[in-house]
Amino acid sequence: MVKQTMNIAKSIGMGLLAGAAVATVSSKAMNGTQKKMKSMKKNAGKAIHTVGNLIGDVEKMLK
């Protein structure tokens, strides 16, 4: 039961994060310069890594 709950939580979290990252990067791409784009991609990568760690920590707490 816990495994199934964690799989659902991971899927929802990663989906939300991926959607937010794509929306942010694409909106900046429409209006920004090359330097801003590179910065946004770097920040999106950091955010994805952080959320991954957060989901991993929640998984450990539920075990």
N, C-alpha and C. Protein backbone atom coordinates (compact mmCIF):
# COMPACT_ATOMS: atom_id res chain seq x y z
N MET A 1 0.81 -1.19 0.00
CA MET A 1 0.00 0.00 0.00
C MET A 1 0.87 1.26 0.00
N VAL A 2 1.90 1.26 0.81
CA VAL A 2 2.78 2.42 0.89
C VAL A 2 3.50 2.63 -0.44
N LYS A 3 3.93 1.54 -1.07
CA LYS A 3 4.62 1.65 -2.36
C LYS A 3 3.71 2.29 -3.40
N GLN A 4 2.47 1.86 -3.43
CA GLN A 4 1.53 2.39 -4.40
C GLN A 4 1.29 3.88 -4.15
N THR A 5 1.16 4.27 -2.89
CA THR A 5 0.96 5.67 -2.54
C THR A 5 2.16 6.50 -2.95
N MET A 6 3.37 5.99 -2.73
CA MET A 6 4.58 6.73 -3.10
C MET A 6 4.69 6.86 -4.61
N ASN A 7 4.33 5.83 -5.35
CA ASN A 7 4.38 5.92 -6.81
C ASN A 7 3.43 6.99 -7.31
N ILE A 8 2.26 7.08 -6.72
CA ILE A 8 1.30 8.11 -7.12
C ILE A 8 1.84 9.49 -6.76
N ALA A 9 2.39 9.63 -5.56
CA ALA A 9 2.93 10.92 -5.11
C ALA A 9 4.10 11.35 -6.00
N LYS A 10 4.96 10.41 -6.34
CA LYS A 10 6.09 10.74 -7.21
C LYS A 10 5.60 11.18 -8.58
N SER A 11 4.65 10.47 -9.13
CA SER A 11 4.13 10.80 -10.45
C SER A 11 3.50 12.18 -10.49
N ILE A 12 2.70 12.48 -9.49
CA ILE A 12 2.05 13.79 -9.43
C ILE A 12 3.09 14.89 -9.26
N GLY A 13 4.03 14.69 -8.36
CA GLY A 13 5.07 15.70 -8.12
C GLY A 13 5.93 15.96 -9.34
N MET A 14 6.36 14.91 -10.00
CA MET A 14 7.20 15.08 -11.17
C MET A 14 6.41 15.71 -12.33
N GLY A 15 5.15 15.36 -12.46
CA GLY A 15 4.32 15.97 -13.50
C GLY A 15 4.14 17.46 -13.29
N LEU A 16 3.85 17.84 -12.05
CA LEU A 16 3.71 19.26 -11.74
C LEU A 16 5.01 20.02 -11.97
N LEU A 17 6.10 19.43 -11.54
CA LEU A 17 7.40 20.08 -11.69
C LEU A 17 7.78 20.23 -13.16
N ALA A 18 7.57 19.17 -13.92
CA ALA A 18 7.91 19.24 -15.34
C ALA A 18 7.07 20.28 -16.05
N GLY A 19 5.80 20.35 -15.75
CA GLY A 19 4.93 21.35 -16.36
C GLY A 19 5.35 22.77 -16.01
N ALA A 20 5.68 22.99 -14.75
CA ALA A 20 6.12 24.32 -14.32
C ALA A 20 7.43 24.71 -14.98
N ALA A 21 8.35 23.77 -15.06
CA ALA A 21 9.66 24.06 -15.67
C ALA A 21 9.50 24.40 -17.16
N VAL A 22 8.69 23.63 -17.86
CA VAL A 22 8.48 23.88 -19.28
C VAL A 22 7.80 25.23 -19.50
N ALA A 23 6.80 25.54 -18.68
CA ALA A 23 6.10 26.81 -18.82
C ALA A 23 7.03 27.99 -18.56
N THR A 24 7.86 27.89 -17.53
CA THR A 24 8.77 28.97 -17.18
C THR A 24 9.81 29.18 -18.27
N VAL A 25 10.44 28.11 -18.70
CA VAL A 25 11.49 28.22 -19.71
C VAL A 25 10.91 28.72 -21.03
N SER A 26 9.76 28.23 -21.41
CA SER A 26 9.19 28.65 -22.69
C SER A 26 8.74 30.10 -22.66
N SER A 27 8.21 30.57 -21.54
CA SER A 27 7.80 31.97 -21.48
C SER A 27 9.02 32.90 -21.53
N LYS A 28 10.09 32.50 -20.90
CA LYS A 28 11.31 33.31 -20.95
C LYS A 28 11.94 33.24 -22.34
N ALA A 29 11.80 32.13 -23.01
CA ALA A 29 12.36 31.99 -24.35
C ALA A 29 11.68 32.94 -25.32
N MET A 30 10.40 33.18 -25.12
CA MET A 30 9.66 34.08 -26.00
C MET A 30 10.10 35.53 -25.82
N ASN A 31 10.47 35.90 -24.59
CA ASN A 31 10.74 37.30 -24.29
C ASN A 31 12.20 37.60 -23.93
N GLY A 32 12.99 36.60 -23.68
CA GLY A 32 14.30 36.82 -23.09
C GLY A 32 15.46 36.76 -24.07
N THR A 33 16.60 37.09 -23.55
CA THR A 33 17.84 37.01 -24.31
C THR A 33 18.49 35.65 -24.05
N GLN A 34 19.60 35.41 -24.72
CA GLN A 34 20.30 34.13 -24.57
C GLN A 34 20.79 33.93 -23.14
N LYS A 35 21.28 35.02 -22.51
CA LYS A 35 21.79 34.91 -21.15
C LYS A 35 20.66 34.56 -20.17
N LYS A 36 19.51 35.16 -20.35
CA LYS A 36 18.37 34.85 -19.48
C LYS A 36 17.92 33.41 -19.67
N MET A 37 17.93 32.94 -20.91
CA MET A 37 17.53 31.57 -21.19
C MET A 37 18.44 30.57 -20.47
N LYS A 38 19.73 30.81 -20.55
CA LYS A 38 20.69 29.91 -19.91
C LYS A 38 20.48 29.89 -18.40
N SER A 39 20.22 31.06 -17.84
CA SER A 39 19.98 31.17 -16.41
C SER A 39 18.71 30.43 -16.01
N MET A 40 17.65 30.56 -16.82
CA MET A 40 16.40 29.89 -16.51
C MET A 40 16.55 28.38 -16.60
N LYS A 41 17.27 27.89 -17.58
CA LYS A 41 17.49 26.45 -17.70
C LYS A 41 18.25 25.91 -16.49
N LYS A 42 19.24 26.67 -16.05
CA LYS A 42 20.03 26.26 -14.89
C LYS A 42 19.15 26.22 -13.64
N ASN A 43 18.32 27.24 -13.46
CA ASN A 43 17.44 27.29 -12.30
C ASN A 43 16.39 26.17 -12.35
N ALA A 44 15.88 25.87 -13.54
CA ALA A 44 14.90 24.79 -13.69
C ALA A 44 15.54 23.45 -13.33
N GLY A 45 16.78 23.25 -13.73
CA GLY A 45 17.49 22.02 -13.38
C GLY A 45 17.68 21.88 -11.88
N LYS A 46 18.00 22.98 -11.23
CA LYS A 46 18.16 22.96 -9.77
C LYS A 46 16.83 22.64 -9.10
N ALA A 47 15.75 23.22 -9.61
CA ALA A 47 14.43 22.98 -9.02
C ALA A 47 14.03 21.52 -9.17
N ILE A 48 14.29 20.94 -10.32
CA ILE A 48 13.96 19.53 -10.54
C ILE A 48 14.74 18.65 -9.57
N HIS A 49 16.00 18.96 -9.38
CA HIS A 49 16.83 18.19 -8.46
C HIS A 49 16.30 18.31 -7.03
N THR A 50 15.92 19.51 -6.62
CA THR A 50 15.41 19.74 -5.27
C THR A 50 14.12 18.99 -5.03
N VAL A 51 13.20 19.03 -5.98
CA VAL A 51 11.93 18.32 -5.81
C VAL A 51 12.17 16.81 -5.78
N GLY A 52 13.10 16.33 -6.56
CA GLY A 52 13.44 14.91 -6.52
C GLY A 52 13.93 14.50 -5.14
N ASN A 53 14.77 15.33 -4.54
CA ASN A 53 15.25 15.06 -3.18
C ASN A 53 14.10 15.09 -2.18
N LEU A 54 13.21 16.04 -2.35
CA LEU A 54 12.06 16.17 -1.44
C LEU A 54 11.18 14.93 -1.51
N ILE A 55 10.90 14.45 -2.70
CA ILE A 55 10.08 13.25 -2.86
C ILE A 55 10.78 12.04 -2.25
N GLY A 56 12.09 11.96 -2.42
CA GLY A 56 12.86 10.87 -1.81
C GLY A 56 12.78 10.90 -0.30
N ASP A 57 12.84 12.11 0.28
CA ASP A 57 12.75 12.23 1.73
C ASP A 57 11.37 11.83 2.25
N VAL A 58 10.33 12.22 1.53
CA VAL A 58 8.97 11.83 1.92
C VAL A 58 8.83 10.32 1.87
N GLU A 59 9.42 9.72 0.84
CA GLU A 59 9.36 8.26 0.71
C GLU A 59 10.03 7.59 1.91
N LYS A 60 11.18 8.11 2.32
CA LYS A 60 11.89 7.55 3.49
C LYS A 60 11.06 7.70 4.76
N MET A 61 10.35 8.82 4.89
CA MET A 61 9.53 9.03 6.09
C MET A 61 8.37 8.05 6.16
N LEU A 62 7.83 7.65 5.02
CA LEU A 62 6.69 6.76 4.99
C LEU A 62 7.07 5.29 5.19
N LYS A 63 8.34 4.97 5.07
CA LYS A 63 8.77 3.58 5.24
C LYS A 63 8.85 3.20 6.68
